[in-house]
Amino acid sequence: MKNLENKKTMSNVQNHVRDYGNDPYFIKKANKSKLFLEKNGFPKELLDKKTITLA
């Protein structure tokens, strides 16, 4: 019976998620982040971890 109950609750879940890509708040945050990375560069500690996981 639990499987039937789960299927009923799953059908009520919305499949639509609002797109916040053009929201002014997130655009402002993204621009600040880009400027920070251009000025200071990416942290070396994170670059080392990234290269280790990719290799």
C-alpha atoms as a PDB file:
ATOM      1  CA  MET A   1       0.000   0.000   0.000  1.00  0.00           C
ATOM      2  CA  LYS A   2       2.877   2.387   0.623  1.00  0.00           C
ATOM      3  CA  ASN A   3       3.833   2.349  -3.047  1.00  0.00           C
ATOM      4  CA  LEU A   4       0.345   3.421  -4.059  1.00  0.00           C
ATOM      5  CA  GLU A   5       0.403   6.259  -1.534  1.00  0.00           C
ATOM      6  CA  ASN A   6       3.785   7.441  -2.825  1.00  0.00           C
ATOM      7  CA  LYS A   7       2.521   7.487  -6.402  1.00  0.00           C
ATOM      8  CA  LYS A   8      -0.429   9.625  -5.385  1.00  0.00           C
ATOM      9  CA  THR A   9       1.757  12.190  -3.631  1.00  0.00           C
ATOM     10  CA  MET A  10       4.233  12.293  -6.508  1.00  0.00           C
ATOM     11  CA  SER A  11       1.513  13.261  -8.977  1.00  0.00           C
ATOM     12  CA  ASN A  12       0.866  16.460  -7.015  1.00  0.00           C
ATOM     13  CA  VAL A  13       4.438  17.743  -7.420  1.00  0.00           C
ATOM     14  CA  GLN A  14       4.757  20.659  -9.816  1.00  0.00           C
ATOM     15  CA  ASN A  15       7.097  20.181 -12.752  1.00  0.00           C
ATOM     16  CA  HIS A  16       7.521  23.887 -13.416  1.00  0.00           C
ATOM     17  CA  VAL A  17      10.310  25.844 -11.777  1.00  0.00           C
ATOM     18  CA  ARG A  18      10.554  29.591 -12.175  1.00  0.00           C
ATOM     19  CA  ASP A  19      13.561  30.808 -14.161  1.00  0.00           C
ATOM     20  CA  TYR A  20      15.564  33.313 -12.136  1.00  0.00           C
ATOM     21  CA  GLY A  21      18.258  33.768 -14.796  1.00  0.00           C
ATOM     22  CA  ASN A  22      17.197  37.305 -15.683  1.00  0.00           C
ATOM     23  CA  ASP A  23      16.281  38.395 -12.160  1.00  0.00           C
ATOM     24  CA  PRO A  24      18.100  41.683 -11.319  1.00  0.00           C
ATOM     25  CA  TYR A  25      19.244  40.379  -7.921  1.00  0.00           C
ATOM     26  CA  PHE A  26      21.027  37.379  -9.439  1.00  0.00           C
ATOM     27  CA  ILE A  27      22.466  39.385 -12.336  1.00  0.00           C
ATOM     28  CA  LYS A  28      23.971  41.839  -9.845  1.00  0.00           C
ATOM     29  CA  LYS A  29      25.449  38.988  -7.764  1.00  0.00           C
ATOM     30  CA  ALA A  30      26.898  37.283 -10.850  1.00  0.00           C
ATOM     31  CA  ASN A  31      28.517  40.515 -12.049  1.00  0.00           C
ATOM     32  CA  LYS A  32      30.079  41.105  -8.623  1.00  0.00           C
ATOM     33  CA  SER A  33      31.445  37.573  -8.639  1.00  0.00           C
ATOM     34  CA  LYS A  34      32.922  37.989 -12.117  1.00  0.00           C
ATOM     35  CA  LEU A  35      34.616  41.251 -11.146  1.00  0.00           C
ATOM     36  CA  PHE A  36      36.040  39.669  -7.991  1.00  0.00           C
ATOM     37  CA  LEU A  37      37.450  36.705  -9.920  1.00  0.00           C
ATOM     38  CA  GLU A  38      38.954  38.968 -12.581  1.00  0.00           C
ATOM     39  CA  LYS A  39      40.607  41.103  -9.914  1.00  0.00           C
ATOM     40  CA  ASN A  40      41.756  38.420  -7.446  1.00  0.00           C
ATOM     41  CA  GLY A  41      41.782  35.236  -9.496  1.00  0.00           C
ATOM     42  CA  PHE A  42      40.508  31.839  -8.455  1.00  0.00           C
ATOM     43  CA  PRO A  43      41.751  30.550  -5.057  1.00  0.00           C
ATOM     44  CA  LYS A  44      44.739  28.219  -5.483  1.00  0.00           C
ATOM     45  CA  GLU A  45      43.403  25.850  -2.828  1.00  0.00           C
ATOM     46  CA  LEU A  46      40.345  25.157  -4.934  1.00  0.00           C
ATOM     47  CA  LEU A  47      42.337  24.865  -8.147  1.00  0.00           C
ATOM     48  CA  ASP A  48      44.511  22.164  -6.580  1.00  0.00           C
ATOM     49  CA  LYS A  49      41.448  20.195  -5.519  1.00  0.00           C
ATOM     50  CA  LYS A  50      39.872  20.592  -8.938  1.00  0.00           C
ATOM     51  CA  THR A  51      42.914  19.265 -10.808  1.00  0.00           C
ATOM     52  CA  ILE A  52      43.178  16.299  -8.447  1.00  0.00           C
ATOM     53  CA  THR A  53      39.573  15.264  -8.977  1.00  0.00           C
ATOM     54  CA  LEU A  54      39.787  15.627 -12.755  1.00  0.00           C
ATOM     55  CA  ALA A  55      43.022  13.686 -13.146  1.00  0.00           C
END
